[in-house]
Protein backbone atom coordinates (compact mmCIF):
# COMPACT_ATOMS: atom_id res chain seq x y z
CA UNK A 1 61.19 67.51 49.83
CA UNK A 2 60.48 64.63 47.44
CA UNK A 3 61.32 66.65 44.36
CA UNK A 4 64.67 67.59 45.91
CA UNK A 5 65.63 64.00 46.48
CA UNK A 6 64.56 63.09 42.95
CA UNK A 7 66.74 65.87 41.54
CA UNK A 8 69.68 64.80 43.68
CA UNK A 9 69.27 61.20 42.53
CA UNK A 10 69.29 62.42 38.91
CA UNK A 11 72.52 64.32 39.58
CA UNK A 12 74.11 61.26 41.16
CA UNK A 13 72.98 59.06 38.26
CA UNK A 14 74.45 61.51 35.75
CA UNK A 15 77.78 61.60 37.58
CA UNK A 16 77.90 57.82 37.89
CA UNK A 17 77.05 57.29 34.21
CA UNK A 18 80.01 59.43 33.09
CA UNK A 19 83.12 57.26 33.35
CA UNK A 20 86.36 58.67 34.63
CA UNK A 21 88.53 60.13 31.86
CA UNK A 22 85.65 60.75 29.47
CA UNK A 23 85.06 64.19 27.95
CA UNK A 24 82.34 66.53 29.08
CA UNK A 25 78.87 65.62 27.84
CA UNK A 26 77.75 67.67 24.84
CA UNK A 27 74.86 66.44 22.75
CA UNK A 28 75.10 69.11 20.03
CA UNK A 29 78.14 70.37 18.08
CA UNK A 30 77.56 73.94 16.81
CA UNK A 31 77.14 74.36 13.07
CA UNK A 32 80.06 76.79 12.87
CA UNK A 33 82.37 74.05 14.18
CA UNK A 34 81.22 71.74 11.39
CA UNK A 35 81.82 74.50 8.84
CA UNK A 36 85.31 75.35 10.10
CA UNK A 37 86.30 71.68 10.21
CA UNK A 38 85.00 71.12 6.67
CA UNK A 39 86.81 74.17 5.28
CA UNK A 40 90.27 72.83 6.13
CA UNK A 41 90.41 69.96 3.58
CA UNK A 42 88.39 71.97 1.04
CA UNK A 43 90.76 74.94 1.20
CA UNK A 44 93.84 72.73 1.04
CA UNK A 45 92.68 70.73 -1.96
CA UNK A 46 91.29 73.73 -3.84
CA UNK A 47 94.45 75.76 -3.21
CA UNK A 48 96.92 73.24 -4.55
CA UNK A 49 94.68 72.48 -7.53
CA UNK A 50 94.25 76.16 -8.49
CA UNK A 51 97.84 77.13 -7.69
CA UNK A 52 99.17 74.09 -9.52
CA UNK A 53 97.20 75.00 -12.62
CA UNK A 54 98.87 78.44 -12.64
CA UNK A 55 102.43 77.09 -12.50
CA UNK A 56 104.66 76.79 -15.57
CA UNK A 57 104.87 73.52 -17.47
CA UNK A 58 108.06 72.59 -15.64
CA UNK A 59 106.12 72.12 -12.42
CA UNK A 60 105.33 68.45 -11.66
CA UNK A 61 102.67 67.94 -8.95
CA UNK A 62 103.66 64.28 -8.58
CA UNK A 63 107.27 65.09 -7.71
CA UNK A 64 107.14 68.57 -6.17
CA UNK A 65 105.52 69.38 -2.85
CA UNK A 66 102.84 71.88 -1.92
CA UNK A 67 105.50 73.99 -0.21
CA UNK A 68 106.86 74.87 -3.65
CA UNK A 69 103.54 76.49 -4.50
CA UNK A 70 103.81 78.74 -1.42
CA UNK A 71 107.56 79.30 -1.81
CA UNK A 72 109.37 82.15 -3.51
CA UNK A 73 109.82 80.03 -6.64
CA UNK A 74 106.07 79.57 -7.11
CA UNK A 75 103.81 81.56 -9.41
CA UNK A 76 100.98 83.36 -7.63
CA UNK A 77 102.27 82.05 -4.33
CA UNK A 78 99.70 84.10 -2.44
CA UNK A 79 97.05 81.47 -3.25
CA UNK A 80 98.77 78.67 -1.37
CA UNK A 81 100.08 80.99 1.34
CA UNK A 82 96.64 82.42 2.02
CA UNK A 83 95.15 78.94 2.11
CA UNK A 84 97.69 77.82 4.73
CA UNK A 85 96.84 80.82 6.90
CA UNK A 86 93.13 80.08 6.56
CA UNK A 87 93.62 76.39 7.34
CA UNK A 88 95.49 77.31 10.51
CA UNK A 89 92.66 79.62 11.50
CA UNK A 90 90.10 76.89 10.84
CA UNK A 91 92.00 74.53 13.12
CA UNK A 92 91.95 77.12 15.90
CA UNK A 93 88.22 77.72 15.49
CA UNK A 94 87.50 73.99 15.41
CA UNK A 95 89.54 73.40 18.55
CA UNK A 96 87.68 76.19 20.34
CA UNK A 97 84.23 74.76 19.54
CA UNK A 98 84.91 71.04 19.60
CA UNK A 99 84.21 70.66 23.32
CA UNK A 100 83.10 67.05 22.97
CA UNK A 101 86.68 65.80 22.80
CA UNK A 102 89.24 65.76 25.57
CA UNK A 103 91.46 68.74 26.35
CA UNK A 104 94.74 67.18 25.06
CA UNK A 105 93.13 66.62 21.66
CA UNK A 106 92.00 70.24 21.51
CA UNK A 107 95.50 71.42 22.44
CA UNK A 108 97.02 69.30 19.68
CA UNK A 109 94.54 70.73 17.19
CA UNK A 110 95.60 74.23 18.23
CA UNK A 111 99.23 73.20 17.75
CA UNK A 112 98.40 71.94 14.24
CA UNK A 113 96.79 75.27 13.43
CA UNK A 114 99.84 77.17 14.65
CA UNK A 115 102.06 74.88 12.57
CA UNK A 116 100.06 75.67 9.43
CA UNK A 117 100.43 79.39 10.12
CA UNK A 118 104.15 78.88 10.74
CA UNK A 119 104.56 77.08 7.40
CA UNK A 120 102.86 79.95 5.60
CA UNK A 121 104.98 82.53 7.45
CA UNK A 122 108.27 80.81 6.56
CA UNK A 123 108.13 80.07 2.80
CA UNK A 124 110.78 78.09 0.99
CA UNK A 125 113.46 80.01 -0.92
CA UNK A 126 113.95 79.57 -4.64
CA UNK A 127 116.33 76.68 -4.03
CA UNK A 128 116.43 74.39 -1.06
CA UNK A 129 114.60 75.01 2.19
CA UNK A 130 115.02 76.77 5.55
CA UNK A 131 115.29 75.32 9.08
CA UNK A 132 112.18 77.22 10.13
CA UNK A 133 110.12 75.78 7.29
CA UNK A 134 111.37 72.25 7.94
CA UNK A 135 110.68 72.57 11.68
CA UNK A 136 107.12 73.81 11.20
CA UNK A 137 106.40 71.19 8.53
CA UNK A 138 107.73 68.30 10.62
CA UNK A 139 105.96 69.49 13.75
CA UNK A 140 102.61 69.94 12.00
CA UNK A 141 102.82 66.57 10.27
CA UNK A 142 103.62 64.75 13.53
CA UNK A 143 100.86 66.48 15.50
CA UNK A 144 98.05 65.89 13.02
CA UNK A 145 99.18 62.25 12.58
CA UNK A 146 98.75 61.33 16.25
CA UNK A 147 95.69 63.54 16.78
CA UNK A 148 93.07 60.76 16.27
CA UNK A 149 94.52 58.79 19.18
CA UNK A 150 93.89 61.71 21.54
CA UNK A 151 90.38 62.35 20.22
CA UNK A 152 89.08 58.92 21.27
CA UNK A 153 86.51 58.50 24.07
CA UNK A 154 87.06 56.28 27.10
CA UNK A 155 83.40 55.41 27.52
CA UNK A 156 81.22 52.37 27.11
CA UNK A 157 78.65 54.18 24.97
CA UNK A 158 80.53 55.40 21.92
CA UNK A 159 80.57 55.31 18.15
CA UNK A 160 83.16 53.40 16.15
CA UNK A 161 84.88 56.61 15.02
CA UNK A 162 85.27 57.83 18.61
CA UNK A 163 86.21 54.46 20.08
CA UNK A 164 89.70 53.45 21.13
CA UNK A 165 89.85 50.77 18.44
CA UNK A 166 88.72 53.13 15.67
CA UNK A 167 91.13 55.87 16.74
CA UNK A 168 94.02 53.41 16.92
CA UNK A 169 93.24 52.15 13.41
CA UNK A 170 93.13 55.66 11.94
CA UNK A 171 96.33 56.63 13.74
CA UNK A 172 98.08 53.56 12.33
CA UNK A 173 96.97 54.50 8.80
CA UNK A 174 98.21 58.07 9.28
CA UNK A 175 101.56 56.82 10.57
CA UNK A 176 101.88 54.61 7.48
CA UNK A 177 101.08 57.58 5.21
CA UNK A 178 103.60 59.78 7.00
CA UNK A 179 106.20 57.05 6.66
CA UNK A 180 105.51 57.01 2.94
CA UNK A 181 106.20 60.75 2.78
CA UNK A 182 109.44 60.35 4.74
CA UNK A 183 110.60 57.60 2.38
CA UNK A 184 109.78 59.73 -0.66
CA UNK A 185 111.88 62.60 0.67
CA UNK A 186 114.93 60.44 -0.05
CA UNK A 187 114.93 61.25 -3.78
CA UNK A 188 111.56 59.61 -4.34
CA UNK A 189 109.65 60.04 -7.58
CA UNK A 190 106.18 60.66 -6.10
CA UNK A 191 106.90 62.94 -3.13
CA UNK A 192 104.25 65.44 -4.23
CA UNK A 193 101.62 62.74 -4.56
CA UNK A 194 102.47 61.24 -1.16
CA UNK A 195 102.26 64.63 0.53
CA UNK A 196 98.93 65.50 -1.08
CA UNK A 197 97.30 62.17 -0.21
CA UNK A 198 98.57 62.31 3.38
CA UNK A 199 97.66 65.94 4.04
CA UNK A 200 94.20 65.56 2.48
CA UNK A 201 93.38 62.51 4.62
CA UNK A 202 94.71 64.02 7.84
CA UNK A 203 92.95 67.37 7.47
CA UNK A 204 89.66 65.57 6.81
CA UNK A 205 89.64 63.64 10.07
CA UNK A 206 88.69 66.55 12.41
CA UNK A 207 85.65 67.10 10.20
CA UNK A 208 84.68 63.43 10.51
CA UNK A 209 85.08 63.56 14.29
CA UNK A 210 82.92 66.71 14.46
CA UNK A 211 80.18 64.96 12.45
CA UNK A 212 80.37 61.90 14.71
CA UNK A 213 80.03 64.06 17.81
CA UNK A 214 77.08 65.91 16.33
CA UNK A 215 75.33 62.65 15.46
CA UNK A 216 76.09 61.07 18.83
CA UNK A 217 73.39 61.31 21.50
CA UNK A 218 74.39 60.45 25.08
CA UNK A 219 72.33 58.05 27.15
CA UNK A 220 69.37 59.77 28.87
CA UNK A 221 70.89 58.99 32.27
CA UNK A 222 73.91 61.07 31.26
CA UNK A 223 71.88 64.20 30.56
CA UNK A 224 71.06 66.20 33.71
CA UNK A 225 67.62 67.73 33.95
CA UNK A 226 66.97 71.40 34.60
CA UNK A 227 66.00 70.65 38.18
CA UNK A 228 69.12 68.59 38.86
CA UNK A 229 71.29 71.26 37.28
CA UNK A 230 69.68 73.87 39.53
CA UNK A 231 70.31 71.77 42.64
CA UNK A 232 73.90 71.16 41.53
CA UNK A 233 74.53 74.90 41.47
CA UNK A 234 72.54 75.56 44.65
CA UNK A 235 72.57 72.37 46.73
CA UNK A 236 70.10 72.11 49.61
CA UNK A 237 71.32 72.11 53.18
CA UNK A 238 70.46 68.40 53.60
CA UNK A 239 72.37 66.38 50.99
CA UNK A 240 71.43 62.74 51.68
CA UNK A 241 67.95 61.27 51.35
CA UNK A 242 68.61 59.05 54.40
CA UNK A 243 68.42 62.10 56.67
CA UNK A 244 64.76 62.71 55.76
CA UNK A 245 63.43 59.60 57.56
CA UNK A 246 65.52 60.54 60.61
CA UNK A 247 63.80 63.90 60.88
CA UNK A 248 60.38 62.24 60.58
CA UNK A 249 61.25 59.56 63.17
CA UNK A 250 62.49 62.20 65.65
CA UNK A 251 59.25 64.15 65.28
CA UNK A 252 57.27 60.99 65.94
CA UNK A 253 59.40 60.29 69.00
CA UNK A 254 58.71 63.75 70.40
CA UNK A 255 55.00 63.29 69.79
CA UNK A 256 55.09 59.93 71.60
CA UNK A 257 56.93 61.35 74.61
CA UNK A 258 54.53 64.29 74.80
CA UNK A 259 51.56 61.95 74.78
CA UNK A 260 53.04 59.81 77.57
CA UNK A 261 53.73 62.87 79.74
CA UNK A 262 50.18 64.12 79.23
CA UNK A 263 48.73 60.76 80.22
CA UNK A 264 50.91 60.55 83.35
CA UNK A 265 49.93 64.04 84.52
CA UNK A 266 46.28 63.23 83.89
CA UNK A 267 46.66 60.04 85.89
CA UNK A 268 48.25 61.97 88.77
CA UNK A 269 45.47 64.54 88.92
CA UNK A 270 42.81 61.86 88.69
CA UNK A 271 44.43 59.83 91.45
CA UNK A 272 44.71 62.79 93.81
CA UNK A 273 41.18 63.99 93.05
CA UNK A 274 39.54 60.66 93.87
CA UNK A 275 41.70 60.18 96.97
CA UNK A 276 43.38 56.97 95.87
CA UNK A 277 46.30 55.38 97.65
CA UNK A 278 49.51 57.32 98.27
CA UNK A 279 51.59 54.65 96.47
CA UNK A 280 49.76 55.12 93.19
CA UNK A 281 50.19 58.91 93.43
CA UNK A 282 53.93 58.53 93.98
CA UNK A 283 54.12 56.13 90.99
CA UNK A 284 52.46 58.72 88.77
CA UNK A 285 54.91 61.39 89.96
CA UNK A 286 57.77 59.01 89.19
CA UNK A 287 56.61 58.66 85.58
CA UNK A 288 56.34 62.44 85.18
CA UNK A 289 59.85 62.94 86.59
CA UNK A 290 61.33 60.26 84.34
CA UNK A 291 59.81 61.75 81.19
CA UNK A 292 60.93 65.28 82.06
CA UNK A 293 64.54 64.16 82.73
CA UNK A 294 64.63 65.52 86.33
CA UNK A 295 65.70 63.60 89.50
CA UNK A 296 62.77 61.58 90.85
CA UNK A 297 61.16 62.41 94.16
CA UNK A 298 62.39 59.94 96.79
CA UNK A 299 60.15 61.01 99.58
CA UNK A 300 57.04 63.02 100.04
């Protein structure tokens, strides 16, 4: 039974070492999650560089947004539109495999992916914009801005990137960048530049978090062993180690009582056989009756 108690103690240590509110323990992030997270900023930057190079000379990347490249007024708009669809898909894949972060952060990453797909599915007209495009753009920008705050860990053992302080700092920077974009929408001269800097920084952060999770190794006490995992799925009938000494003590008690009864019976037979006094024989019978839990013999 010793190995069972050791496994149960390992399970208890693993549960106690994981603070409340922390994400599930994962010591390895799959390679395909790293790839999908890295593709998002690469696709975005490559798309607006290639699509911008194909636009007429009247296009100004410092003043005009990326949405113009995917809109009906853009040349070869399929480049930017396809990139937005792919970026949304990469967000969905990353959210599915990034199990080291909390569930709200994964939900927000899914929402950001859906927003990117929505932006691609509702392109801008030749002049102006549409309510659908503005709604998807605003929603996606807000979600990806606050995402670092939800990806933080509430644990004592953490890296700087995954800590509350690090996540709060990154979120504050993203809020400042988004505020810059909002200010530039009011007839600003560098709206395109502000949007590109903000979107490039925000789409890179899930990749950084994925790398931090992959490099992070939980404390050994947090990692359950194979034996403890087996006993967690199939717990033994006796759960507490304190019950093991009780079973041993009860067995010893039974052995002690059996030995006393045997000695009393032997004493009775010996007394009768040698013809000793009647009082000693009755005393021996009294001991036998007391040990067997039956009413004692009052008279013979």
